[in-house]
Amino acid sequence: MRHIIRVRIKTSNKTYLLLKLNRINIDIKNIKYEDNYLYFNMFTKDLERLNKYLISYDVDVIDDVGIYKLKKALKVNMLFIVSIIFSCLVFMILNNLTIKVNIIHQDKSIRELIDSDLKEFGVKPLSFKKSYQEYEEIINIIKNRHKDSIEWLEIDVDGMIVNIRVEERKELSEEVKDGYCHIIAKNGGIITSIYTSRGTSLVSINDYVKKGDILISGEIKLNEEVRGDVCASGKVYAEVWYKVNTSFPLEYIETKETGKMRFNMMLKKGEYEYIILKSRVKDRMVENKYITTIFNYELYLQKEKEVIKTAKKYTLDEAENKAIDLIHEKLILKESETPKIIKEKVLQKSVNNDKLDIEMFIAVEEQIGIKVPYTKEMDSDTSDGENNSNYNTVN
């Protein structure tokens, strides 16, 4: 590849100079006139001839052109470029390195069991992180190995720390294990379906039951005589009625991102936080990503997004829909299984102090059976007493 340079010659007669360059057969390109100077590109092999025939002119080589200019810039800034590349490599290594494996469980034997399996798959300190799919495969293998002792396992990567949360499979207590438990109603309602796998069902579909009634008994009877005891097992579903009161604010703050964003660094130790660069943004959203720990200080990369906050107000219809969604959320959170909403109706609503107050009736189908241990000496009537109200409550 031929070496091209940018040349500047001072002259008061540019036309004459160009004719002279042509006469001595100098190949020039990208010609530019500026004041008393003529600028052009030429090959370095012609520079000696140019100086020989233009001895009366001031000829200055300004810079290299093309790949040679890039090589020159790389050579001048080599130390800076190497430093940047080295810093990026160190950051990439640290970002993909595991410095600590934290197994969260109270039982030391369980922690040692999981730690041994994790080391087998390369999940240990000073090892590189694995992909999400690889962690999922490791979880499934460990769970299958220890079906009798491990109920649930989760791997959570937090910066350079891998947290493993373990839930041990718990056996029923000795009383329940030996077969002394009833299934009773935790709420009143009308039975919609019954699934009994152990014990004696004492209710039928469309029966109305109160809170505390025995639904499936652990007592096995023959001709009204108790012949044995088991731990009742099964599920009982019922239509349950709730009367729910809630309040929802009419005013709210709308947050919108402006698109402006910058990165920052934060050091944290306990409750102490130190931001490296002071933020000039009035309202912002901050996302923290853990990087590493230095001398007991946690280093975080901060992503600051500028936002605009605007005070707004819901219409009554919008606030009512939001309040109903909130009630649905409360019902879902209080149950281990998502209840099925059968019917709902707003009984009354009013606005007080910029809040919408709602009273609502909801009928849902939910699993109402819970296990209650008992002994043979106990009275089989485990009822909490009669509930005069047809409604149940939601806290």
Protein backbone atom coordinates (compact mmCIF):
# COMPACT_ATOMS: atom_id res chain seq x y z
CA MET A 1 0.00 0.00 0.00
CA ARG A 2 1.46 3.37 -1.09
CA HIS A 3 2.08 5.99 1.59
CA ILE A 4 0.03 9.18 1.07
CA ILE A 5 0.74 12.51 2.83
CA ARG A 6 -1.00 15.89 3.08
CA VAL A 7 1.22 18.77 1.85
CA ARG A 8 0.95 22.57 2.17
CA ILE A 9 2.87 25.03 -0.09
CA LYS A 10 2.86 28.80 0.31
CA THR A 11 2.39 30.63 -3.00
CA SER A 12 0.88 33.80 -4.40
CA ASN A 13 0.29 32.28 -7.82
CA LYS A 14 -1.57 29.03 -7.41
CA THR A 15 -2.15 28.51 -11.16
CA TYR A 16 1.56 28.75 -11.95
CA LEU A 17 2.37 26.32 -9.12
CA LEU A 18 -0.15 23.77 -10.38
CA LEU A 19 1.30 23.96 -13.90
CA LYS A 20 4.78 23.44 -12.51
CA LEU A 21 3.64 20.38 -10.50
CA ASN A 22 2.12 18.97 -13.64
CA ARG A 23 5.32 19.63 -15.57
CA ILE A 24 7.44 17.67 -13.09
CA ASN A 25 4.85 14.89 -13.14
CA ILE A 26 3.73 15.07 -9.49
CA ASP A 27 0.41 13.24 -8.96
CA ILE A 28 -1.75 15.33 -6.59
CA LYS A 29 -5.32 14.88 -5.25
CA ASN A 30 -7.84 16.59 -2.97
CA ILE A 31 -6.64 20.08 -3.86
CA LYS A 32 -7.73 22.94 -1.62
CA TYR A 33 -7.05 26.68 -1.78
CA GLU A 34 -6.84 28.70 1.42
CA ASP A 35 -5.44 32.27 1.59
CA ASN A 36 -1.87 32.07 0.24
CA TYR A 37 -1.61 28.31 0.64
CA LEU A 38 -2.23 25.37 -1.65
CA TYR A 39 -3.15 22.05 0.04
CA PHE A 40 -3.07 18.62 -1.67
CA ASN A 41 -2.40 14.92 -1.15
CA MET A 42 0.58 13.19 -2.78
CA PHE A 43 2.67 10.00 -2.57
CA THR A 44 5.76 10.04 -0.34
CA LYS A 45 7.86 8.60 -3.19
CA ASP A 46 7.44 11.93 -5.03
CA LEU A 47 8.47 14.11 -2.07
CA GLU A 48 12.19 14.10 -2.90
CA ARG A 49 11.51 15.21 -6.49
CA LEU A 50 9.08 17.89 -5.24
CA ASN A 51 11.72 19.41 -2.94
CA LYS A 52 14.32 19.25 -5.73
CA TYR A 53 12.28 21.23 -8.31
CA LEU A 54 10.43 23.54 -5.90
CA ILE A 55 13.49 24.71 -3.97
CA SER A 56 12.22 28.30 -3.81
CA TYR A 57 8.91 27.29 -2.18
CA ASP A 58 8.12 26.54 1.45
CA VAL A 59 6.91 22.91 1.42
CA ASP A 60 5.35 21.58 4.65
CA VAL A 61 4.24 17.98 5.26
CA ILE A 62 1.13 18.43 7.48
CA ASP A 63 0.08 14.88 8.22
CA ASP A 64 -0.23 11.32 7.00
CA VAL A 65 -3.39 10.24 5.18
CA GLY A 66 -5.47 7.05 5.43
CA ILE A 67 -4.15 3.96 7.15
CA TYR A 68 -0.81 5.59 7.91
CA LYS A 69 -2.56 8.37 9.83
CA LEU A 70 -4.39 5.73 11.87
CA LYS A 71 -1.12 3.88 12.57
CA LYS A 72 0.50 7.12 13.70
CA ALA A 73 -2.44 7.89 16.03
CA LEU A 74 -2.31 4.36 17.45
CA LYS A 75 1.42 4.68 18.07
CA VAL A 76 1.06 8.04 19.85
CA ASN A 77 -1.85 6.85 22.02
CA MET A 78 -0.68 3.27 22.49
CA LEU A 79 -0.34 3.52 26.28
CA PHE A 80 -3.84 4.98 26.65
CA ILE A 81 -5.39 2.38 24.31
CA VAL A 82 -3.63 -0.51 26.09
CA SER A 83 -4.86 0.86 29.44
CA ILE A 84 -8.46 1.03 28.17
CA ILE A 85 -8.31 -2.50 26.73
CA PHE A 86 -6.74 -3.83 29.93
CA SER A 87 -9.41 -2.10 32.08
CA CYS A 88 -12.19 -3.54 29.91
CA LEU A 89 -10.70 -7.04 30.15
CA VAL A 90 -10.38 -6.75 33.95
CA PHE A 91 -13.97 -5.49 34.19
CA MET A 92 -15.24 -8.33 31.98
CA ILE A 93 -13.34 -10.91 34.04
CA LEU A 94 -14.56 -9.47 37.35
CA ASN A 95 -18.10 -9.18 36.01
CA ASN A 96 -18.09 -12.87 35.08
CA LEU A 97 -16.21 -14.11 38.13
CA THR A 98 -17.75 -15.72 41.22
CA ILE A 99 -15.94 -14.72 44.42
CA LYS A 100 -18.43 -16.19 46.89
CA VAL A 101 -21.04 -18.95 46.94
CA ASN A 102 -23.60 -18.26 49.66
CA ILE A 103 -25.86 -21.21 50.55
CA ILE A 104 -28.81 -19.96 52.58
CA HIS A 105 -30.12 -22.58 55.02
CA GLN A 106 -29.99 -23.05 58.78
CA ASP A 107 -28.98 -26.72 58.70
CA LYS A 108 -25.21 -27.16 58.27
CA SER A 109 -25.62 -30.68 56.82
CA ILE A 110 -27.94 -29.36 54.09
CA ARG A 111 -25.46 -26.58 53.28
CA GLU A 112 -22.60 -29.06 53.01
CA LEU A 113 -24.70 -31.40 50.85
CA ILE A 114 -25.58 -28.64 48.37
CA ASP A 115 -22.03 -27.22 48.44
CA SER A 116 -20.58 -30.61 47.47
CA ASP A 117 -22.97 -30.93 44.50
CA LEU A 118 -22.32 -27.34 43.35
CA LYS A 119 -18.54 -27.85 43.38
CA GLU A 120 -19.03 -30.93 41.20
CA PHE A 121 -20.62 -28.68 38.55
CA GLY A 122 -18.00 -25.94 38.92
CA VAL A 123 -20.09 -23.51 41.00
CA LYS A 124 -17.47 -22.40 43.54
CA PRO A 125 -15.43 -19.32 44.53
CA LEU A 126 -12.99 -17.96 41.91
CA SER A 127 -14.86 -19.71 39.09
CA PHE A 128 -16.59 -18.13 36.11
CA LYS A 129 -20.35 -17.62 36.19
CA LYS A 130 -22.58 -19.90 34.15
CA SER A 131 -25.52 -19.05 31.93
CA TYR A 132 -29.11 -18.99 33.18
CA GLN A 133 -29.85 -22.24 31.31
CA GLU A 134 -26.80 -23.97 32.87
CA TYR A 135 -27.89 -22.92 36.37
CA GLU A 136 -31.41 -24.26 35.68
CA GLU A 137 -29.97 -27.61 34.58
CA ILE A 138 -27.82 -27.80 37.74
CA ILE A 139 -30.88 -27.01 39.92
CA ASN A 140 -32.91 -29.80 38.29
CA ILE A 141 -30.10 -32.36 38.68
CA ILE A 142 -29.58 -31.55 42.38
CA LYS A 143 -33.34 -31.62 43.09
CA ASN A 144 -33.67 -35.02 41.38
CA ARG A 145 -30.70 -36.37 43.36
CA HIS A 146 -32.23 -35.36 46.69
CA LYS A 147 -35.95 -35.73 46.15
CA ASP A 148 -36.50 -36.88 49.73
CA SER A 149 -34.60 -34.03 51.41
CA ILE A 150 -34.86 -30.99 49.07
CA GLU A 151 -38.24 -29.40 48.37
CA TRP A 152 -37.11 -26.27 46.51
CA LEU A 153 -33.84 -24.80 45.23
CA GLU A 154 -33.08 -21.44 43.63
CA ILE A 155 -29.85 -19.88 42.33
CA ASP A 156 -29.68 -16.07 42.31
CA VAL A 157 -26.62 -14.25 40.91
CA ASP A 158 -26.00 -10.90 42.62
CA GLY A 159 -22.90 -9.30 41.10
CA MET A 160 -19.93 -11.52 41.98
CA ILE A 161 -21.90 -13.46 44.62
CA VAL A 162 -23.99 -16.56 43.84
CA ASN A 163 -26.81 -17.04 46.37
CA ILE A 164 -28.41 -20.47 46.67
CA ARG A 165 -31.69 -20.60 48.57
CA VAL A 166 -32.72 -24.05 49.76
CA GLU A 167 -36.05 -25.24 51.16
CA GLU A 168 -35.86 -28.57 52.94
CA ARG A 169 -38.62 -31.13 52.38
CA LYS A 170 -40.44 -31.33 55.70
CA GLU A 171 -42.22 -34.42 56.87
CA LEU A 172 -45.51 -34.13 58.71
CA SER A 173 -45.28 -33.90 62.46
CA GLU A 174 -45.38 -37.21 64.34
CA GLU A 175 -49.06 -36.75 65.24
CA VAL A 176 -50.06 -35.94 61.68
CA LYS A 177 -47.67 -38.56 60.31
CA ASP A 178 -49.30 -41.17 62.53
CA GLY A 179 -52.73 -40.17 61.19
CA TYR A 180 -54.38 -37.80 63.64
CA CYS A 181 -55.75 -34.82 61.72
CA HIS A 182 -59.02 -33.48 60.36
CA ILE A 183 -59.57 -31.11 57.45
CA ILE A 184 -61.72 -28.20 58.62
CA ALA A 185 -63.19 -25.12 56.96
CA LYS A 186 -61.12 -21.94 57.25
CA ASN A 187 -64.06 -19.93 55.82
CA GLY A 188 -67.81 -20.37 55.60
CA GLY A 189 -69.44 -21.05 52.24
CA ILE A 190 -71.34 -23.45 49.95
CA ILE A 191 -69.42 -26.58 48.92
CA THR A 192 -68.79 -26.79 45.16
CA SER A 193 -66.45 -29.80 44.93
CA ILE A 194 -64.71 -32.36 47.18
CA TYR A 195 -61.61 -34.45 46.51
CA THR A 196 -60.93 -36.93 49.34
CA SER A 197 -57.80 -39.08 49.19
CA ARG A 198 -57.76 -40.14 52.86
CA GLY A 199 -60.32 -39.96 55.64
CA THR A 200 -64.11 -39.68 55.69
CA SER A 201 -65.92 -36.85 53.92
CA LEU A 202 -68.61 -35.33 56.17
CA VAL A 203 -70.03 -32.81 53.67
CA SER A 204 -71.60 -32.93 50.23
CA ILE A 205 -71.78 -30.57 47.26
CA ASN A 206 -74.17 -27.64 47.88
CA ASP A 207 -73.89 -28.03 51.68
CA TYR A 208 -73.43 -24.79 53.59
CA VAL A 209 -70.56 -24.94 56.09
CA LYS A 210 -69.35 -22.53 58.75
CA LYS A 211 -65.78 -21.64 59.63
CA GLY A 212 -64.33 -24.45 61.79
CA ASP A 213 -66.68 -27.22 60.57
CA ILE A 214 -65.01 -30.59 59.95
CA LEU A 215 -65.07 -31.28 56.20
CA ILE A 216 -63.00 -34.48 56.01
CA SER A 217 -62.58 -36.43 59.24
CA GLY A 218 -59.49 -38.39 60.21
CA GLU A 219 -61.70 -40.85 62.11
CA ILE A 220 -62.58 -43.97 60.13
CA LYS A 221 -65.98 -45.21 61.31
CA LEU A 222 -67.92 -48.40 60.74
CA ASN A 223 -71.50 -48.56 61.98
CA GLU A 224 -70.97 -45.29 63.91
CA GLU A 225 -67.98 -46.82 65.70
CA VAL A 226 -64.47 -45.43 65.28
CA ARG A 227 -62.30 -48.23 63.86
CA GLY A 228 -59.17 -46.25 63.12
CA ASP A 229 -57.52 -42.85 62.76
CA VAL A 230 -55.66 -41.33 59.84
CA CYS A 231 -54.44 -37.92 58.78
CA ALA A 232 -57.24 -36.72 56.53
CA SER A 233 -56.11 -35.65 53.10
CA GLY A 234 -57.96 -33.95 50.26
CA LYS A 235 -59.22 -30.63 48.95
CA VAL A 236 -62.59 -28.99 49.45
CA TYR A 237 -63.71 -26.08 47.30
CA ALA A 238 -66.55 -23.74 48.21
CA GLU A 239 -68.28 -20.60 47.08
CA VAL A 240 -67.21 -18.01 49.65
CA TRP A 241 -68.67 -14.53 50.09
CA TYR A 242 -66.66 -11.48 51.04
CA LYS A 243 -67.65 -7.96 51.92
CA VAL A 244 -64.58 -5.79 51.34
CA ASN A 245 -63.93 -2.14 52.18
CA THR A 246 -61.04 -0.23 50.63
CA SER A 247 -59.93 3.32 49.86
CA PHE A 248 -58.05 4.51 46.79
CA PRO A 249 -56.43 7.98 46.33
CA LEU A 250 -57.71 10.09 43.44
CA GLU A 251 -54.44 12.00 43.06
CA TYR A 252 -51.21 10.37 41.82
CA ILE A 253 -47.79 11.28 40.44
CA GLU A 254 -47.08 10.36 36.82
CA THR A 255 -43.41 9.62 36.09
CA LYS A 256 -42.04 9.81 32.54
CA GLU A 257 -38.48 9.25 31.35
CA THR A 258 -36.93 12.09 29.31
CA GLY A 259 -34.45 9.80 27.56
CA LYS A 260 -31.44 11.43 29.25
CA MET A 261 -29.23 8.99 31.11
CA ARG A 262 -25.79 8.83 32.67
CA PHE A 263 -23.69 6.32 34.59
CA ASN A 264 -22.29 6.82 38.06
CA MET A 265 -20.48 4.79 40.72
CA MET A 266 -21.51 4.22 44.34
CA LEU A 267 -19.66 2.84 47.36
CA LYS A 268 -21.81 1.29 50.08
CA LYS A 269 -21.06 -0.05 53.53
CA GLY A 270 -24.09 -0.87 55.67
CA GLU A 271 -26.34 2.21 55.62
CA TYR A 272 -23.48 4.48 54.46
CA GLU A 273 -23.58 5.38 50.75
CA TYR A 274 -21.12 7.55 48.83
CA ILE A 275 -21.92 8.69 45.28
CA ILE A 276 -18.78 9.33 43.20
CA LEU A 277 -20.29 12.01 40.93
CA LYS A 278 -22.86 14.45 42.29
CA SER A 279 -26.13 14.24 40.39
CA ARG A 280 -27.40 17.41 38.72
CA VAL A 281 -30.76 15.89 37.91
CA LYS A 282 -33.67 16.97 40.12
CA ASP A 283 -35.89 13.92 39.53
CA ARG A 284 -34.38 10.64 38.49
CA MET A 285 -34.74 6.86 38.62
CA VAL A 286 -31.66 4.98 39.78
CA GLU A 287 -30.77 1.36 39.02
CA ASN A 288 -27.87 -0.15 41.00
CA LYS A 289 -25.84 -3.11 39.76
CA TYR A 290 -23.41 -4.74 42.17
CA ILE A 291 -19.86 -5.07 40.79
CA THR A 292 -17.48 -6.12 43.56
CA THR A 293 -16.42 -5.59 47.19
CA ILE A 294 -13.31 -3.51 47.97
CA PHE A 295 -12.06 -3.33 51.59
CA ASN A 296 -15.55 -4.13 52.94
CA TYR A 297 -17.12 -1.48 50.66
CA GLU A 298 -19.56 -2.69 48.01
CA LEU A 299 -19.02 -1.08 44.60
CA TYR A 300 -22.13 -0.49 42.46
CA LEU A 301 -22.57 0.79 38.92
CA GLN A 302 -25.45 3.27 38.90
CA LYS A 303 -27.66 4.01 35.92
CA GLU A 304 -29.41 7.37 36.43
CA LYS A 305 -32.40 8.11 34.23
CA GLU A 306 -33.87 11.61 34.24
CA VAL A 307 -37.65 11.70 34.74
CA ILE A 308 -40.39 14.29 34.81
CA LYS A 309 -42.94 13.98 37.61
CA THR A 310 -46.41 15.41 37.07
CA ALA A 311 -49.26 15.54 39.58
CA LYS A 312 -52.45 14.07 38.04
CA LYS A 313 -55.89 12.97 39.12
CA TYR A 314 -57.89 9.85 38.31
CA THR A 315 -61.46 10.11 37.12
CA LEU A 316 -63.99 8.38 39.39
CA ASP A 317 -64.31 5.49 36.92
CA GLU A 318 -60.52 5.06 36.73
CA ALA A 319 -60.19 5.16 40.53
CA GLU A 320 -63.02 2.61 40.90
CA ASN A 321 -61.32 0.21 38.46
CA LYS A 322 -57.99 0.64 40.29
CA ALA A 323 -59.68 -0.01 43.65
CA ILE A 324 -61.35 -3.18 42.31
CA ASP A 325 -57.97 -4.38 40.97
CA LEU A 326 -56.52 -3.78 44.45
CA ILE A 327 -59.28 -5.87 46.03
CA HIS A 328 -58.66 -8.68 43.54
CA GLU A 329 -54.94 -8.54 44.41
CA LYS A 330 -55.72 -8.86 48.12
CA LEU A 331 -57.87 -11.93 47.46
CA ILE A 332 -55.16 -13.54 45.36
CA LEU A 333 -52.39 -12.83 47.90
CA LYS A 334 -54.33 -14.35 50.81
CA GLU A 335 -54.73 -17.69 49.02
CA SER A 336 -52.10 -20.27 48.03
CA GLU A 337 -54.26 -21.06 44.96
CA THR A 338 -55.71 -18.30 42.82
CA PRO A 339 -59.43 -18.08 43.66
CA LYS A 340 -62.03 -17.99 40.87
CA ILE A 341 -64.25 -14.89 40.97
CA ILE A 342 -67.89 -15.92 40.45
CA LYS A 343 -69.71 -12.66 41.08
CA GLU A 344 -68.90 -9.15 42.27
CA LYS A 345 -70.86 -5.98 42.91
CA VAL A 346 -70.06 -2.52 44.26
CA LEU A 347 -72.45 -1.97 47.18
CA GLN A 348 -71.62 1.67 47.84
CA LYS A 349 -68.94 4.26 47.09
CA SER A 350 -68.15 7.81 48.22
CA VAL A 351 -65.38 10.42 47.92
CA ASN A 352 -63.75 11.62 51.15
CA ASN A 353 -60.55 13.70 51.44
CA ASP A 354 -59.52 13.04 47.81
CA LYS A 355 -60.01 9.30 48.30
CA LEU A 356 -62.59 6.98 46.81
CA ASP A 357 -64.10 4.71 49.49
CA ILE A 358 -65.67 1.50 48.18
CA GLU A 359 -67.64 -1.28 49.81
CA MET A 360 -67.88 -4.36 47.62
CA PHE A 361 -69.44 -7.81 47.61
CA ILE A 362 -67.45 -10.62 45.98
CA ALA A 363 -68.29 -14.29 45.61
CA VAL A 364 -65.32 -16.54 44.82
CA GLU A 365 -64.64 -20.24 44.54
CA GLU A 366 -61.65 -21.18 46.67
CA GLN A 367 -60.05 -24.08 48.52
CA ILE A 368 -61.28 -23.80 52.13
CA GLY A 369 -59.86 -26.98 53.72
CA ILE A 370 -56.99 -26.81 56.21
CA LYS A 371 -55.42 -29.61 58.26
CA VAL A 372 -55.81 -29.56 62.05
CA PRO A 373 -54.07 -32.24 64.18
CA TYR A 374 -55.99 -33.96 66.96
CA THR A 375 -55.55 -36.69 69.56
CA LYS A 376 -57.96 -39.46 70.41
CA GLU A 377 -58.68 -37.80 73.72
CA MET A 378 -59.73 -34.55 72.03
CA ASP A 379 -63.31 -33.74 71.18
CA SER A 380 -63.68 -34.15 67.43
CA ASP A 381 -65.66 -30.91 67.31
CA THR A 382 -63.01 -28.35 66.33
CA SER A 383 -65.45 -25.61 65.42
CA ASP A 384 -64.47 -22.06 66.37
CA GLY A 385 -68.10 -21.34 67.13
CA GLU A 386 -70.93 -20.21 64.96
CA ASN A 387 -70.47 -17.27 62.70
CA ASN A 388 -73.70 -15.30 62.43
CA SER A 389 -72.51 -13.41 59.36
CA ASN A 390 -72.69 -14.91 55.89
CA TYR A 391 -69.69 -12.81 54.88
CA ASN A 392 -66.00 -13.51 55.34
CA THR A 393 -63.36 -10.81 55.73
CA VAL A 394 -60.24 -9.86 53.81
CA ASN A 395 -57.36 -8.26 55.71
